[in-house]
């Protein structure tokens, strides 16, 4: 941008110095994480056009939230390197998936043989042992803990022992220090999809209080596959508790939220199941049918759609729908909708689906029939991301000018 000074790399200042609360949310979906990878790469590249090559998504969002594969992306975007800058740029996510997914989800020759092998293995345990996933996540994230992330993150999991959601939230660790776990343990937990990967257990200690807590966790997708509302709830609790980072923006207005929620694609329009088929299914059919897992598909898709229904209804009612962007592709078919068929061909196709999604018109859920329908404005997802990138850039500049903790803010007060 001509005539505009490039931003420094100072950490994002809290919303109290700005006008908005900014949230980036990424759904769960296994290898289909390649679809949001294309979306966030485009968004970050445009922020770099506005503010310089050092710009990263963590510099603009108050909260980055993700479930399962989205939780892994969240941690990668927010984890610090040795210079306290994001360990991964958005453009690094796609190569990471292309390199490691085939080793996480090992494939057998031929789709038929692959499906048979997975069905047989699932009868006596998860399809995959998770060893490579655990190894690569620990290697990349090391001993970095939740309290060290560059911006706030929110990652849902589910405790199979206590039968309740466990939300690993940057906002909660002061009140509940045992939640301050290693990012690697959090990512392994939120990715532990039933029947696909083994549940994960670990003990985390509160050194100061001399307490420890045991976690027995599975995929966060069983409770919040679309974690956008979980992230908003975490922020809302801060406002209720009168956090100094949020106090001046009470009473809470949904119009102050800027939310970008990115799905991993669904096969909803394929309509491959019906009541006549399901009426004959037993336990095995619900767990594996036509190369998919209908039971898991049902609860992950339903939880994701309910969040979109809620946010669409509320933002439309309060005339703030332009600040809520849901990017989703519900036209996947066949192998495209798999969470684990990590063949080279399929991974490349998912990358292309993500690229194509940028060119599609912005869509919004029809509150009457539940269909995801393009808006009449003709704005594409690419156009919407460019529009929101400008708002994000302006918001960050405003906070830096107002904050007493930044060099720009101190300079402005001195001049005044």
Protein backbone atom coordinates (compact mmCIF):
# COMPACT_ATOMS: atom_id res chain seq x y z
CA UNK A 1 0.00 0.00 0.00
CA UNK A 2 1.43 3.32 -1.03
CA UNK A 3 1.92 5.89 1.67
CA UNK A 4 1.38 3.44 4.51
CA UNK A 5 4.10 2.50 6.94
CA UNK A 6 4.56 -1.26 7.24
CA UNK A 7 3.56 -2.68 10.59
CA UNK A 8 6.09 -3.78 13.14
CA UNK A 9 6.01 -7.32 14.44
CA UNK A 10 4.84 -6.35 17.93
CA UNK A 11 2.33 -8.82 19.34
CA UNK A 12 -1.32 -8.01 18.70
CA UNK A 13 -2.70 -5.65 21.33
CA UNK A 14 -5.91 -6.61 23.19
CA UNK A 15 -9.36 -5.61 21.91
CA UNK A 16 -9.69 -2.92 24.57
CA UNK A 17 -7.58 -0.67 22.29
CA UNK A 18 -9.62 -1.40 19.16
CA UNK A 19 -13.14 -1.76 17.82
CA UNK A 20 -13.36 -5.50 17.11
CA UNK A 21 -12.75 -8.97 18.51
CA UNK A 22 -11.18 -11.07 15.77
CA UNK A 23 -11.58 -14.85 15.55
CA UNK A 24 -10.23 -17.41 13.10
CA UNK A 25 -11.79 -20.87 13.38
CA UNK A 26 -10.83 -24.08 11.55
CA UNK A 27 -12.95 -27.23 11.51
CA UNK A 28 -11.83 -30.82 11.97
CA UNK A 29 -11.59 -33.20 9.02
CA UNK A 30 -8.35 -35.19 8.84
CA UNK A 31 -6.52 -34.88 5.52
CA UNK A 32 -9.20 -32.44 4.39
CA UNK A 33 -7.26 -29.89 6.43
CA UNK A 34 -5.65 -29.19 3.06
CA UNK A 35 -8.79 -27.27 2.08
CA UNK A 36 -8.54 -24.60 4.83
CA UNK A 37 -4.76 -24.61 4.30
CA UNK A 38 -5.35 -23.05 0.88
CA UNK A 39 -7.77 -20.49 2.35
CA UNK A 40 -5.49 -19.31 5.15
CA UNK A 41 -2.50 -19.17 2.81
CA UNK A 42 -4.44 -16.76 0.59
CA UNK A 43 -5.53 -14.64 3.56
CA UNK A 44 -2.02 -14.40 5.00
CA UNK A 45 -0.53 -13.54 1.60
CA UNK A 46 -2.96 -10.66 1.25
CA UNK A 47 -2.15 -9.40 4.74
CA UNK A 48 1.49 -9.48 3.68
CA UNK A 49 0.64 -7.36 0.64
CA UNK A 50 -0.91 -4.83 3.00
CA UNK A 51 1.60 -4.89 5.86
CA UNK A 52 4.83 -6.53 4.75
CA UNK A 53 6.29 -10.00 4.34
CA UNK A 54 6.66 -10.53 8.11
CA UNK A 55 2.89 -10.41 8.66
CA UNK A 56 1.42 -13.62 10.08
CA UNK A 57 -2.16 -14.60 10.93
CA UNK A 58 -1.34 -14.66 14.64
CA UNK A 59 -0.61 -10.93 14.39
CA UNK A 60 -4.25 -10.18 13.53
CA UNK A 61 -6.51 -12.60 15.40
CA UNK A 62 -7.33 -12.34 19.09
CA UNK A 63 -8.22 -16.03 19.02
CA UNK A 64 -7.36 -18.85 16.67
CA UNK A 65 -9.49 -21.92 17.33
CA UNK A 66 -9.34 -25.37 15.79
CA UNK A 67 -10.62 -28.89 16.29
CA UNK A 68 -8.79 -32.08 15.31
CA UNK A 69 -6.85 -31.27 12.12
CA UNK A 70 -7.86 -27.64 12.68
CA UNK A 71 -6.35 -27.84 16.17
CA UNK A 72 -3.05 -28.92 14.69
CA UNK A 73 -3.13 -26.01 12.23
CA UNK A 74 -4.02 -23.65 15.09
CA UNK A 75 -1.01 -24.75 17.13
CA UNK A 76 1.31 -24.48 14.13
CA UNK A 77 0.17 -20.92 13.41
CA UNK A 78 0.44 -19.75 17.03
CA UNK A 79 3.49 -21.62 18.38
CA UNK A 80 6.57 -19.37 18.76
CA UNK A 81 10.00 -19.92 17.27
CA UNK A 82 13.24 -18.86 18.96
CA UNK A 83 12.54 -15.23 17.97
CA UNK A 84 9.00 -15.32 19.38
CA UNK A 85 7.51 -15.26 15.91
CA UNK A 86 5.12 -17.90 14.54
CA UNK A 87 6.85 -21.22 14.03
CA UNK A 88 4.90 -21.80 10.80
CA UNK A 89 3.64 -19.42 8.15
CA UNK A 90 0.30 -20.26 6.55
CA UNK A 91 2.09 -21.25 3.36
CA UNK A 92 3.94 -23.98 5.31
CA UNK A 93 0.78 -25.89 6.23
CA UNK A 94 0.10 -27.41 2.82
CA UNK A 95 3.65 -28.82 2.36
CA UNK A 96 3.48 -30.21 5.91
CA UNK A 97 0.29 -32.12 5.11
CA UNK A 98 1.55 -33.36 1.75
CA UNK A 99 4.71 -34.71 3.35
CA UNK A 100 3.31 -36.25 6.51
CA UNK A 101 -0.29 -37.35 5.85
CA UNK A 102 0.71 -40.45 3.84
CA UNK A 103 2.85 -41.56 6.80
CA UNK A 104 0.17 -40.79 9.39
CA UNK A 105 -2.53 -42.55 7.36
CA UNK A 106 -0.57 -45.35 5.76
CA UNK A 107 -2.16 -46.63 2.58
CA UNK A 108 -2.45 -50.10 1.06
CA UNK A 109 -2.33 -50.88 -2.63
CA UNK A 110 -5.67 -50.31 -4.31
CA UNK A 111 -8.74 -48.68 -2.78
CA UNK A 112 -10.50 -52.04 -2.33
CA UNK A 113 -7.57 -53.55 -0.48
CA UNK A 114 -7.19 -50.38 1.55
CA UNK A 115 -10.80 -50.44 2.71
CA UNK A 116 -10.72 -54.15 3.56
CA UNK A 117 -7.50 -53.78 5.56
CA UNK A 118 -8.91 -50.83 7.49
CA UNK A 119 -12.18 -52.59 8.26
CA UNK A 120 -10.36 -55.68 9.53
CA UNK A 121 -8.01 -53.57 11.65
CA UNK A 122 -10.84 -51.45 13.07
CA UNK A 123 -12.51 -54.55 14.49
CA UNK A 124 -9.60 -54.99 16.89
CA UNK A 125 -8.51 -51.38 17.39
CA UNK A 126 -8.15 -48.04 15.62
CA UNK A 127 -7.30 -48.03 11.92
CA UNK A 128 -3.96 -46.31 12.60
CA UNK A 129 -1.61 -46.65 15.54
CA UNK A 130 -0.86 -42.92 15.69
CA UNK A 131 2.86 -43.46 16.27
CA UNK A 132 4.03 -41.36 13.35
CA UNK A 133 1.54 -38.58 14.16
CA UNK A 134 2.77 -38.46 17.77
CA UNK A 135 6.38 -38.44 16.62
CA UNK A 136 6.07 -35.64 14.08
CA UNK A 137 3.89 -33.45 16.34
CA UNK A 138 6.35 -33.76 19.23
CA UNK A 139 9.24 -33.07 16.88
CA UNK A 140 7.69 -29.90 15.45
CA UNK A 141 6.14 -28.46 18.63
CA UNK A 142 8.68 -29.72 21.17
CA UNK A 143 7.98 -28.67 24.76
CA UNK A 144 6.06 -25.50 23.85
CA UNK A 145 3.13 -25.01 26.24
CA UNK A 146 -0.25 -23.39 25.85
CA UNK A 147 0.77 -20.24 27.74
CA UNK A 148 3.59 -19.58 25.25
CA UNK A 149 1.52 -19.11 22.10
CA UNK A 150 1.82 -15.83 20.25
CA UNK A 151 -1.92 -15.21 20.32
CA UNK A 152 -4.76 -16.84 22.24
CA UNK A 153 -5.83 -20.27 21.06
CA UNK A 154 -8.83 -22.45 21.86
CA UNK A 155 -8.76 -26.20 21.10
CA UNK A 156 -11.62 -28.51 22.13
CA UNK A 157 -11.11 -32.14 23.18
CA UNK A 158 -13.34 -34.66 24.96
CA UNK A 159 -12.45 -36.59 28.11
CA UNK A 160 -13.65 -40.17 27.67
CA UNK A 161 -13.24 -40.89 31.41
CA UNK A 162 -15.31 -38.01 32.77
CA UNK A 163 -17.52 -37.80 29.65
CA UNK A 164 -17.18 -34.05 29.33
CA UNK A 165 -15.53 -31.59 26.95
CA UNK A 166 -12.11 -30.30 27.92
CA UNK A 167 -11.34 -26.96 26.29
CA UNK A 168 -7.68 -26.02 26.15
CA UNK A 169 -7.95 -22.25 26.18
CA UNK A 170 -5.32 -19.57 26.63
CA UNK A 171 -7.89 -17.65 28.62
CA UNK A 172 -8.40 -20.41 31.19
CA UNK A 173 -4.85 -21.32 32.21
CA UNK A 174 -4.54 -18.63 34.89
CA UNK A 175 -7.67 -19.92 36.61
CA UNK A 176 -6.98 -23.60 35.83
CA UNK A 177 -3.18 -24.04 35.57
CA UNK A 178 -3.46 -27.79 34.90
CA UNK A 179 -4.80 -26.90 31.46
CA UNK A 180 -1.40 -25.40 30.60
CA UNK A 181 -0.34 -28.51 28.73
CA UNK A 182 2.17 -29.05 25.95
CA UNK A 183 0.79 -28.15 22.53
CA UNK A 184 1.91 -31.56 21.31
CA UNK A 185 -0.31 -33.34 23.86
CA UNK A 186 -3.22 -31.05 23.02
CA UNK A 187 -2.86 -31.67 19.27
CA UNK A 188 -2.53 -35.44 19.65
CA UNK A 189 -5.65 -35.42 21.85
CA UNK A 190 -7.89 -33.31 19.65
CA UNK A 191 -6.92 -35.45 16.63
CA UNK A 192 -7.73 -38.80 18.28
CA UNK A 193 -10.83 -39.54 16.20
CA UNK A 194 -12.69 -42.64 17.41
CA UNK A 195 -11.99 -45.71 15.21
CA UNK A 196 -9.23 -43.82 13.37
CA UNK A 197 -6.59 -42.97 15.98
CA UNK A 198 -6.04 -44.07 19.60
CA UNK A 199 -7.23 -42.02 22.57
CA UNK A 200 -4.48 -40.08 24.31
CA UNK A 201 -3.77 -39.84 28.03
CA UNK A 202 -1.31 -37.67 29.92
CA UNK A 203 -0.82 -36.08 33.33
CA UNK A 204 -0.21 -32.37 33.63
CA UNK A 205 1.07 -30.67 36.77
CA UNK A 206 0.41 -27.37 38.44
CA UNK A 207 3.87 -26.92 39.91
CA UNK A 208 2.93 -23.89 42.02
CA UNK A 209 -0.01 -25.59 43.75
CA UNK A 210 1.61 -29.02 43.77
CA UNK A 211 -1.40 -30.54 42.00
CA UNK A 212 -1.69 -32.75 38.96
CA UNK A 213 -4.53 -33.75 36.69
CA UNK A 214 -4.97 -36.75 34.46
CA UNK A 215 -6.52 -36.34 31.01
CA UNK A 216 -8.06 -39.18 28.96
CA UNK A 217 -8.87 -37.50 25.67
CA UNK A 218 -10.35 -38.10 22.25
CA UNK A 219 -11.10 -35.95 19.22
CA UNK A 220 -12.71 -32.58 19.96
CA UNK A 221 -14.95 -33.18 16.95
CA UNK A 222 -17.29 -35.32 19.04
CA UNK A 223 -18.44 -32.13 20.78
CA UNK A 224 -17.34 -29.19 18.60
CA UNK A 225 -16.14 -30.02 15.10
CA UNK A 226 -16.75 -26.37 14.22
CA UNK A 227 -15.12 -24.56 17.17
CA UNK A 228 -16.13 -20.99 16.29
CA UNK A 229 -18.79 -20.82 18.99
CA UNK A 230 -16.44 -22.34 21.59
CA UNK A 231 -13.98 -19.54 20.86
CA UNK A 232 -16.72 -16.93 21.19
CA UNK A 233 -17.80 -18.45 24.50
CA UNK A 234 -14.25 -18.18 25.83
CA UNK A 235 -14.18 -14.49 24.92
CA UNK A 236 -17.66 -13.93 26.38
CA UNK A 237 -16.53 -15.36 29.71
CA UNK A 238 -13.70 -12.84 29.79
CA UNK A 239 -16.17 -10.03 29.25
CA UNK A 240 -18.48 -11.36 31.97
CA UNK A 241 -15.52 -11.53 34.34
CA UNK A 242 -14.57 -7.95 33.44
CA UNK A 243 -11.14 -8.74 32.07
CA UNK A 244 -9.22 -5.49 31.51
CA UNK A 245 -8.53 -6.65 27.96
CA UNK A 246 -12.26 -6.57 27.17
CA UNK A 247 -14.00 -4.43 29.81
CA UNK A 248 -14.50 -1.24 27.75
CA UNK A 249 -16.50 -3.06 25.07
CA UNK A 250 -19.32 -4.13 27.39
CA UNK A 251 -22.19 -4.66 26.87
CA UNK A 252 -21.32 -7.40 24.42
CA UNK A 253 -22.40 -6.80 20.85
CA UNK A 254 -22.12 -9.47 18.21
CA UNK A 255 -21.36 -6.70 15.75
CA UNK A 256 -17.97 -6.32 17.40
CA UNK A 257 -16.96 -9.85 16.41
CA UNK A 258 -15.14 -10.44 13.15
CA UNK A 259 -15.28 -14.18 12.53
CA UNK A 260 -13.70 -16.19 9.74
CA UNK A 261 -14.81 -19.82 10.03
CA UNK A 262 -13.30 -22.32 7.62
CA UNK A 263 -14.72 -25.78 6.99
CA UNK A 264 -12.95 -28.83 5.63
CA UNK A 265 -15.63 -29.79 3.12
CA UNK A 266 -18.54 -32.23 3.34
CA UNK A 267 -20.36 -34.71 1.11
CA UNK A 268 -23.74 -33.36 2.16
CA UNK A 269 -24.99 -32.85 -1.40
CA UNK A 270 -23.99 -36.36 -2.40
CA UNK A 271 -26.86 -37.77 -0.33
CA UNK A 272 -25.24 -41.21 -0.28
CA UNK A 273 -27.28 -42.49 2.68
CA UNK A 274 -31.01 -42.69 3.29
CA UNK A 275 -33.41 -43.98 5.95
CA UNK A 276 -34.14 -47.20 4.04
CA UNK A 277 -30.43 -48.06 4.07
CA UNK A 278 -29.81 -47.00 7.66
CA UNK A 279 -32.86 -48.90 8.90
CA UNK A 280 -31.02 -52.14 8.09
CA UNK A 281 -27.67 -51.17 9.58
CA UNK A 282 -26.15 -52.82 12.60
CA UNK A 283 -23.17 -51.68 14.64
CA UNK A 284 -20.61 -52.52 11.97
CA UNK A 285 -22.53 -50.71 9.23
CA UNK A 286 -22.78 -47.55 11.33
CA UNK A 287 -19.03 -47.67 11.88
CA UNK A 288 -18.00 -48.45 8.32
CA UNK A 289 -20.13 -48.26 5.20
CA UNK A 290 -19.11 -47.52 1.60
CA UNK A 291 -15.61 -46.53 2.71
CA UNK A 292 -16.79 -44.01 5.31
CA UNK A 293 -17.85 -43.93 8.96
CA UNK A 294 -21.50 -42.83 8.96
CA UNK A 295 -21.77 -42.46 12.74
CA UNK A 296 -18.79 -40.13 12.98
CA UNK A 297 -19.89 -38.28 9.82
CA UNK A 298 -23.28 -37.65 11.43
CA UNK A 299 -22.12 -36.15 14.72
CA UNK A 300 -19.25 -34.12 13.28
CA UNK A 301 -21.40 -32.68 10.51
CA UNK A 302 -24.36 -31.97 12.79
CA UNK A 303 -22.28 -30.17 15.41
CA UNK A 304 -20.58 -28.08 12.73
CA UNK A 305 -23.85 -27.12 11.07
CA UNK A 306 -25.53 -26.16 14.34
CA UNK A 307 -22.75 -23.65 15.03
CA UNK A 308 -23.14 -22.14 11.56
CA UNK A 309 -26.94 -21.99 12.03
CA UNK A 310 -26.53 -20.11 15.30
CA UNK A 311 -23.94 -17.62 14.07
CA UNK A 312 -25.78 -16.98 10.81
CA UNK A 313 -29.06 -16.35 12.60
CA UNK A 314 -27.60 -14.03 15.23
CA UNK A 315 -25.38 -12.02 12.87
CA UNK A 316 -28.23 -11.57 10.40
CA UNK A 317 -30.62 -10.50 13.15
CA UNK A 318 -28.12 -7.91 14.37
CA UNK A 319 -27.17 -6.80 10.84
CA UNK A 320 -23.52 -7.78 11.31
CA UNK A 321 -23.48 -10.63 8.79
CA UNK A 322 -20.72 -8.97 6.76
CA UNK A 323 -18.36 -9.60 9.67
CA UNK A 324 -19.09 -13.34 9.67
CA UNK A 325 -17.58 -15.37 6.84
CA UNK A 326 -18.16 -19.12 6.69
CA UNK A 327 -16.16 -20.80 3.91
CA UNK A 328 -17.30 -24.34 3.26
CA UNK A 329 -17.65 -26.74 0.32
CA UNK A 330 -20.57 -29.16 0.65
CA UNK A 331 -20.16 -30.68 -2.83
CA UNK A 332 -17.45 -33.26 -2.09
CA UNK A 333 -18.04 -36.72 -3.50
CA UNK A 334 -16.55 -40.17 -3.07
CA UNK A 335 -12.93 -40.32 -1.95
CA UNK A 336 -12.74 -36.50 -1.76
CA UNK A 337 -14.80 -36.59 1.44
CA UNK A 338 -12.57 -39.15 3.17
CA UNK A 339 -10.61 -38.06 6.23
CA UNK A 340 -7.81 -40.58 5.71
CA UNK A 341 -7.33 -41.70 2.10
CA UNK A 342 -3.95 -40.00 1.83
CA UNK A 343 -2.94 -41.06 -1.65
CA UNK A 344 -0.85 -38.59 -3.64
CA UNK A 345 -3.70 -38.19 -6.11
CA UNK A 346 -6.30 -37.45 -3.45
CA UNK A 347 -4.09 -35.02 -1.52
CA UNK A 348 -3.41 -33.03 -4.69
CA UNK A 349 -7.13 -33.01 -5.46
CA UNK A 350 -7.92 -31.62 -1.99
CA UNK A 351 -5.41 -28.82 -2.59
CA UNK A 352 -7.21 -28.01 -5.83
CA UNK A 353 -10.60 -28.08 -4.10
CA UNK A 354 -9.28 -25.47 -1.66
CA UNK A 355 -8.00 -23.29 -4.50
CA UNK A 356 -11.31 -23.61 -6.35
CA UNK A 357 -13.24 -22.71 -3.21
CA UNK A 358 -11.58 -19.30 -3.20
CA UNK A 359 -13.17 -18.57 -6.58
CA UNK A 360 -16.66 -19.67 -5.53
CA UNK A 361 -19.26 -17.11 -4.40
CA UNK A 362 -19.69 -16.42 -0.70
CA UNK A 363 -22.44 -18.70 0.58
CA UNK A 364 -24.61 -18.59 3.65
CA UNK A 365 -26.83 -21.19 5.27
CA UNK A 366 -30.52 -20.80 4.42
CA UNK A 367 -32.16 -20.65 7.83
CA UNK A 368 -35.35 -22.20 6.47
CA UNK A 369 -34.03 -25.29 4.67
CA UNK A 370 -30.45 -25.63 5.91
CA UNK A 371 -28.91 -25.44 2.45
CA UNK A 372 -25.65 -23.59 1.90
CA UNK A 373 -26.56 -21.07 -0.80
CA UNK A 374 -24.52 -18.44 -2.71
CA UNK A 375 -25.30 -14.80 -1.97
CA UNK A 376 -26.83 -12.66 -4.68
CA UNK A 377 -24.06 -10.05 -4.30
CA UNK A 378 -21.69 -12.20 -6.36
CA UNK A 379 -18.82 -11.60 -3.93
CA UNK A 380 -16.39 -14.52 -4.05
CA UNK A 381 -14.64 -16.01 -1.04
CA UNK A 382 -11.45 -14.49 -2.40
CA UNK A 383 -13.09 -11.05 -2.54
CA UNK A 384 -14.46 -11.43 0.97
CA UNK A 385 -11.06 -12.41 2.37
CA UNK A 386 -9.48 -9.36 0.73
CA UNK A 387 -12.18 -7.16 2.24
CA UNK A 388 -11.72 -8.65 5.69
CA UNK A 389 -7.92 -8.48 5.40
CA UNK A 390 -8.20 -4.70 5.04
CA UNK A 391 -10.38 -4.54 8.15
CA UNK A 392 -7.92 -6.73 10.07
CA UNK A 393 -5.02 -4.52 9.02
CA UNK A 394 -6.85 -1.34 10.00
CA UNK A 395 -7.86 -2.84 13.35
CA UNK A 396 -4.30 -3.77 14.16
CA UNK A 397 -3.05 -0.28 13.28
CA UNK A 398 -5.74 1.28 15.46
CA UNK A 399 -4.73 -0.86 18.45
CA UNK A 400 -1.06 -0.05 17.99
CA UNK A 401 -1.85 3.66 17.90
CA UNK A 402 -3.97 3.53 21.06
CA UNK A 403 -2.00 1.07 23.14
CA UNK A 404 0.45 2.37 25.77
CA UNK A 405 2.46 -0.83 25.29
CA UNK A 406 3.61 -0.25 21.69
CA UNK A 407 6.19 2.09 20.24
CA UNK A 408 3.57 3.70 17.97
CA UNK A 409 1.20 4.24 20.88
CA UNK A 410 3.90 5.80 23.07
CA UNK A 411 4.98 8.04 20.20
CA UNK A 412 1.41 9.25 19.61
CA UNK A 413 0.93 10.14 23.28
CA UNK A 414 4.25 11.97 23.33
CA UNK A 415 3.24 14.06 20.30
CA UNK A 416 -0.12 14.80 21.93
